[in-house]
Amino acid sequence: MEALGMGGYGAYVWSCYGLTLIVLVLSNWQARARHKRVYRDIEVRIKALEDRQ
């Protein structure tokens, strides 16, 4: 239990780890969502160009 408490600094250390994990997960999720939007936009533009010809 002392290892998790880290000499009284455990709450600070583990909350920092948790916050970092949350930021990384949200950043990854946002990047994937943006990638999907851009990819769909490109597909729509390509289809519009093909329909013109």
PDB file of N, CA and C in Angstrom:
ATOM      1  N   MET A   1       0.819  -1.192   0.000  1.00  0.00           N
ATOM      2  CA  MET A   1       0.000   0.000   0.000  1.00  0.00           C
ATOM      3  C   MET A   1       0.867   1.261   0.000  1.00  0.00           C
ATOM      4  N   GLU A   2       2.046   1.156   0.591  1.00  0.00           N
ATOM      5  CA  GLU A   2       2.942   2.308   0.624  1.00  0.00           C
ATOM      6  C   GLU A   2       3.396   2.702  -0.780  1.00  0.00           C
ATOM      7  N   ALA A   3       3.539   1.704  -1.645  1.00  0.00           N
ATOM      8  CA  ALA A   3       3.971   1.997  -3.019  1.00  0.00           C
ATOM      9  C   ALA A   3       2.938   2.859  -3.736  1.00  0.00           C
ATOM     10  N   LEU A   4       1.655   2.614  -3.490  1.00  0.00           N
ATOM     11  CA  LEU A   4       0.603   3.413  -4.120  1.00  0.00           C
ATOM     12  C   LEU A   4       0.498   4.792  -3.480  1.00  0.00           C
ATOM     13  N   GLY A   5       0.785   4.880  -2.195  1.00  0.00           N
ATOM     14  CA  GLY A   5       0.726   6.160  -1.492  1.00  0.00           C
ATOM     15  C   GLY A   5       1.871   7.084  -1.841  1.00  0.00           C
ATOM     16  N   MET A   6       2.987   6.512  -2.237  1.00  0.00           N
ATOM     17  CA  MET A   6       4.181   7.243  -2.660  1.00  0.00           C
ATOM     18  C   MET A   6       4.593   8.321  -1.673  1.00  0.00           C
ATOM     19  N   GLY A   7       4.629   7.968  -0.441  1.00  0.00           N
ATOM     20  CA  GLY A   7       5.109   8.887   0.590  1.00  0.00           C
ATOM     21  C   GLY A   7       4.227  10.121   0.772  1.00  0.00           C
ATOM     22  N   GLY A   8       2.928   9.970   0.559  1.00  0.00           N
ATOM     23  CA  GLY A   8       2.014  11.089   0.738  1.00  0.00           C
ATOM     24  C   GLY A   8       1.700  11.848  -0.546  1.00  0.00           C
ATOM     25  N   TYR A   9       2.412  11.542  -1.588  1.00  0.00           N
ATOM     26  CA  TYR A   9       2.200  12.230  -2.865  1.00  0.00           C
ATOM     27  C   TYR A   9       1.394  11.399  -3.855  1.00  0.00           C
ATOM     28  N   GLY A  10       0.906  10.277  -3.433  1.00  0.00           N
ATOM     29  CA  GLY A  10       0.181   9.355  -4.307  1.00  0.00           C
ATOM     30  C   GLY A  10      -1.018   9.977  -4.997  1.00  0.00           C
ATOM     31  N   ALA A  11      -1.812  10.737  -4.250  1.00  0.00           N
ATOM     32  CA  ALA A  11      -3.012  11.342  -4.839  1.00  0.00           C
ATOM     33  C   ALA A  11      -2.618  12.278  -5.982  1.00  0.00           C
ATOM     34  N   TYR A  12      -1.591  13.057  -5.786  1.00  0.00           N
ATOM     35  CA  TYR A  12      -1.125  13.985  -6.823  1.00  0.00           C
ATOM     36  C   TYR A  12      -0.595  13.206  -8.025  1.00  0.00           C
ATOM     37  N   VAL A  13       0.251  12.221  -7.772  1.00  0.00           N
ATOM     38  CA  VAL A  13       0.885  11.465  -8.857  1.00  0.00           C
ATOM     39  C   VAL A  13      -0.158  10.715  -9.670  1.00  0.00           C
ATOM     40  N   TRP A  14      -1.044   9.994  -9.002  1.00  0.00           N
ATOM     41  CA  TRP A  14      -2.030   9.188  -9.717  1.00  0.00           C
ATOM     42  C   TRP A  14      -3.067  10.054 -10.423  1.00  0.00           C
ATOM     43  N   SER A  15      -3.405  11.206  -9.859  1.00  0.00           N
ATOM     44  CA  SER A  15      -4.335  12.094 -10.565  1.00  0.00           C
ATOM     45  C   SER A  15      -3.672  12.654 -11.826  1.00  0.00           C
ATOM     46  N   CYS A  16      -2.376  12.911 -11.777  1.00  0.00           N
ATOM     47  CA  CYS A  16      -1.663  13.372 -12.980  1.00  0.00           C
ATOM     48  C   CYS A  16      -1.629  12.287 -14.048  1.00  0.00           C
ATOM     49  N   TYR A  17      -1.380  11.053 -13.622  1.00  0.00           N
ATOM     50  CA  TYR A  17      -1.419   9.943 -14.578  1.00  0.00           C
ATOM     51  C   TYR A  17      -2.814   9.814 -15.191  1.00  0.00           C
ATOM     52  N   GLY A  18      -3.835   9.913 -14.378  1.00  0.00           N
ATOM     53  CA  GLY A  18      -5.209   9.806 -14.869  1.00  0.00           C
ATOM     54  C   GLY A  18      -5.557  10.915 -15.839  1.00  0.00           C
ATOM     55  N   LEU A  19      -5.192  12.142 -15.503  1.00  0.00           N
ATOM     56  CA  LEU A  19      -5.470  13.279 -16.377  1.00  0.00           C
ATOM     57  C   LEU A  19      -4.731  13.136 -17.706  1.00  0.00           C
ATOM     58  N   THR A  20      -3.502  12.686 -17.647  1.00  0.00           N
ATOM     59  CA  THR A  20      -2.725  12.468 -18.869  1.00  0.00           C
ATOM     60  C   THR A  20      -3.386  11.417 -19.748  1.00  0.00           C
ATOM     61  N   LEU A  21      -3.852  10.342 -19.142  1.00  0.00           N
ATOM     62  CA  LEU A  21      -4.531   9.295 -19.895  1.00  0.00           C
ATOM     63  C   LEU A  21      -5.803   9.833 -20.556  1.00  0.00           C
ATOM     64  N   ILE A  22      -6.563  10.612 -19.827  1.00  0.00           N
ATOM     65  CA  ILE A  22      -7.792  11.200 -20.383  1.00  0.00           C
ATOM     66  C   ILE A  22      -7.470  12.103 -21.567  1.00  0.00           C
ATOM     67  N   VAL A  23      -6.448  12.937 -21.435  1.00  0.00           N
ATOM     68  CA  VAL A  23      -6.066  13.845 -22.524  1.00  0.00           C
ATOM     69  C   VAL A  23      -5.626  13.055 -23.748  1.00  0.00           C
ATOM     70  N   LEU A  24      -4.855  12.003 -23.555  1.00  0.00           N
ATOM     71  CA  LEU A  24      -4.400  11.191 -24.680  1.00  0.00           C
ATOM     72  C   LEU A  24      -5.570  10.500 -25.382  1.00  0.00           C
ATOM     73  N   VAL A  25      -6.498   9.962 -24.609  1.00  0.00           N
ATOM     74  CA  VAL A  25      -7.653   9.279 -25.199  1.00  0.00           C
ATOM     75  C   VAL A  25      -8.522  10.270 -25.970  1.00  0.00           C
ATOM     76  N   LEU A  26      -8.795  11.421 -25.394  1.00  0.00           N
ATOM     77  CA  LEU A  26      -9.618  12.421 -26.078  1.00  0.00           C
ATOM     78  C   LEU A  26      -8.923  12.947 -27.337  1.00  0.00           C
ATOM     79  N   SER A  27      -7.636  13.136 -27.273  1.00  0.00           N
ATOM     80  CA  SER A  27      -6.887  13.608 -28.434  1.00  0.00           C
ATOM     81  C   SER A  27      -6.947  12.587 -29.564  1.00  0.00           C
ATOM     82  N   ASN A  28      -6.789  11.328 -29.219  1.00  0.00           N
ATOM     83  CA  ASN A  28      -6.868  10.256 -30.208  1.00  0.00           C
ATOM     84  C   ASN A  28      -8.261  10.201 -30.820  1.00  0.00           C
ATOM     85  N   TRP A  29      -9.280  10.294 -29.986  1.00  0.00           N
ATOM     86  CA  TRP A  29     -10.661  10.251 -30.469  1.00  0.00           C
ATOM     87  C   TRP A  29     -10.935  11.423 -31.416  1.00  0.00           C
ATOM     88  N   GLN A  30     -10.485  12.609 -31.054  1.00  0.00           N
ATOM     89  CA  GLN A  30     -10.702  13.800 -31.871  1.00  0.00           C
ATOM     90  C   GLN A  30      -9.975  13.668 -33.217  1.00  0.00           C
ATOM     91  N   ALA A  31      -8.772  13.163 -33.215  1.00  0.00           N
ATOM     92  CA  ALA A  31      -8.013  12.995 -34.454  1.00  0.00           C
ATOM     93  C   ALA A  31      -8.706  11.996 -35.376  1.00  0.00           C
ATOM     94  N   ARG A  32      -9.212  10.905 -34.809  1.00  0.00           N
ATOM     95  CA  ARG A  32      -9.914   9.919 -35.630  1.00  0.00           C
ATOM     96  C   ARG A  32     -11.199  10.496 -36.216  1.00  0.00           C
ATOM     97  N   ALA A  33     -11.932  11.264 -35.431  1.00  0.00           N
ATOM     98  CA  ALA A  33     -13.171  11.873 -35.917  1.00  0.00           C
ATOM     99  C   ALA A  33     -12.869  12.856 -37.046  1.00  0.00           C
ATOM    100  N   ARG A  34     -11.836  13.651 -36.874  1.00  0.00           N
ATOM    101  CA  ARG A  34     -11.463  14.610 -37.924  1.00  0.00           C
ATOM    102  C   ARG A  34     -11.033  13.877 -39.183  1.00  0.00           C
ATOM    103  N   HIS A  35     -10.277  12.808 -39.028  1.00  0.00           N
ATOM    104  CA  HIS A  35      -9.828  12.022 -40.179  1.00  0.00           C
ATOM    105  C   HIS A  35     -11.028  11.485 -40.956  1.00  0.00           C
ATOM    106  N   LYS A  36     -12.020  10.976 -40.251  1.00  0.00           N
ATOM    107  CA  LYS A  36     -13.227  10.462 -40.916  1.00  0.00           C
ATOM    108  C   LYS A  36     -13.936  11.567 -41.687  1.00  0.00           C
ATOM    109  N   ARG A  37     -14.072  12.753 -41.063  1.00  0.00           N
ATOM    110  CA  ARG A  37     -14.749  13.870 -41.741  1.00  0.00           C
ATOM    111  C   ARG A  37     -14.007  14.277 -43.003  1.00  0.00           C
ATOM    112  N   VAL A  38     -12.701  14.407 -42.914  1.00  0.00           N
ATOM    113  CA  VAL A  38     -11.903  14.817 -44.070  1.00  0.00           C
ATOM    114  C   VAL A  38     -11.976  13.755 -45.158  1.00  0.00           C
ATOM    115  N   TYR A  39     -11.880  12.499 -44.776  1.00  0.00           N
ATOM    116  CA  TYR A  39     -11.934  11.405 -45.749  1.00  0.00           C
ATOM    117  C   TYR A  39     -13.277  11.398 -46.467  1.00  0.00           C
ATOM    118  N   ARG A  40     -14.375  11.578 -45.716  1.00  0.00           N
ATOM    119  CA  ARG A  40     -15.700  11.627 -46.350  1.00  0.00           C
ATOM    120  C   ARG A  40     -15.818  12.815 -47.288  1.00  0.00           C
ATOM    121  N   ASP A  41     -15.278  13.962 -46.893  1.00  0.00           N
ATOM    122  CA  ASP A  41     -15.317  15.148 -47.739  1.00  0.00           C
ATOM    123  C   ASP A  41     -14.562  14.899 -49.044  1.00  0.00           C
ATOM    124  N   ILE A  42     -13.419  14.263 -48.964  1.00  0.00           N
ATOM    125  CA  ILE A  42     -12.640  13.953 -50.160  1.00  0.00           C
ATOM    126  C   ILE A  42     -13.415  13.007 -51.065  1.00  0.00           C
ATOM    127  N   GLU A  43     -14.049  11.984 -50.470  1.00  0.00           N
ATOM    128  CA  GLU A  43     -14.847  11.054 -51.272  1.00  0.00           C
ATOM    129  C   GLU A  43     -15.979  11.777 -51.995  1.00  0.00           C
ATOM    130  N   VAL A  44     -16.640  12.692 -51.312  1.00  0.00           N
ATOM    131  CA  VAL A  44     -17.743  13.442 -51.924  1.00  0.00           C
ATOM    132  C   VAL A  44     -17.225  14.295 -53.070  1.00  0.00           C
ATOM    133  N   ARG A  45     -16.101  14.941 -52.874  1.00  0.00           N
ATOM    134  CA  ARG A  45     -15.537  15.785 -53.932  1.00  0.00           C
ATOM    135  C   ARG A  45     -15.114  14.960 -55.144  1.00  0.00           C
ATOM    136  N   ILE A  46     -14.525  13.802 -54.901  1.00  0.00           N
ATOM    137  CA  ILE A  46     -14.121  12.930 -56.010  1.00  0.00           C
ATOM    138  C   ILE A  46     -15.354  12.460 -56.774  1.00  0.00           C
ATOM    139  N   LYS A  47     -16.393  12.068 -56.061  1.00  0.00           N
ATOM    140  CA  LYS A  47     -17.623  11.612 -56.714  1.00  0.00           C
ATOM    141  C   LYS A  47     -18.238  12.744 -57.528  1.00  0.00           C
ATOM    142  N   ALA A  48     -18.217  13.968 -57.007  1.00  0.00           N
ATOM    143  CA  ALA A  48     -18.768  15.106 -57.741  1.00  0.00           C
ATOM    144  C   ALA A  48     -17.975  15.353 -59.018  1.00  0.00           C
ATOM    145  N   LEU A  49     -16.658  15.218 -58.955  1.00  0.00           N
ATOM    146  CA  LEU A  49     -15.838  15.395 -60.151  1.00  0.00           C
ATOM    147  C   LEU A  49     -16.110  14.297 -61.174  1.00  0.00           C
ATOM    148  N   GLU A  50     -16.297  13.070 -60.703  1.00  0.00           N
ATOM    149  CA  GLU A  50     -16.585  11.960 -61.617  1.00  0.00           C
ATOM    150  C   GLU A  50     -17.946  12.144 -62.269  1.00  0.00           C
ATOM    151  N   ASP A  51     -18.918  12.664 -61.538  1.00  0.00           N
ATOM    152  CA  ASP A  51     -20.260  12.864 -62.086  1.00  0.00           C
ATOM    153  C   ASP A  51     -20.272  13.954 -63.139  1.00  0.00           C
ATOM    154  N   ARG A  52     -19.371  14.925 -63.031  1.00  0.00           N
ATOM    155  CA  ARG A  52     -19.287  16.001 -64.021  1.00  0.00           C
ATOM    156  C   ARG A  52     -18.850  15.474 -65.379  1.00  0.00           C
ATOM    157  N   GLN A  53     -17.969  14.490 -65.350  1.00  0.00           N
ATOM    158  CA  GLN A  53     -17.384  13.992 -66.597  1.00  0.00           C
ATOM    159  C   GLN A  53     -18.233  12.961 -67.210  1.00  0.00           C
TER     160      GLN A  53
END
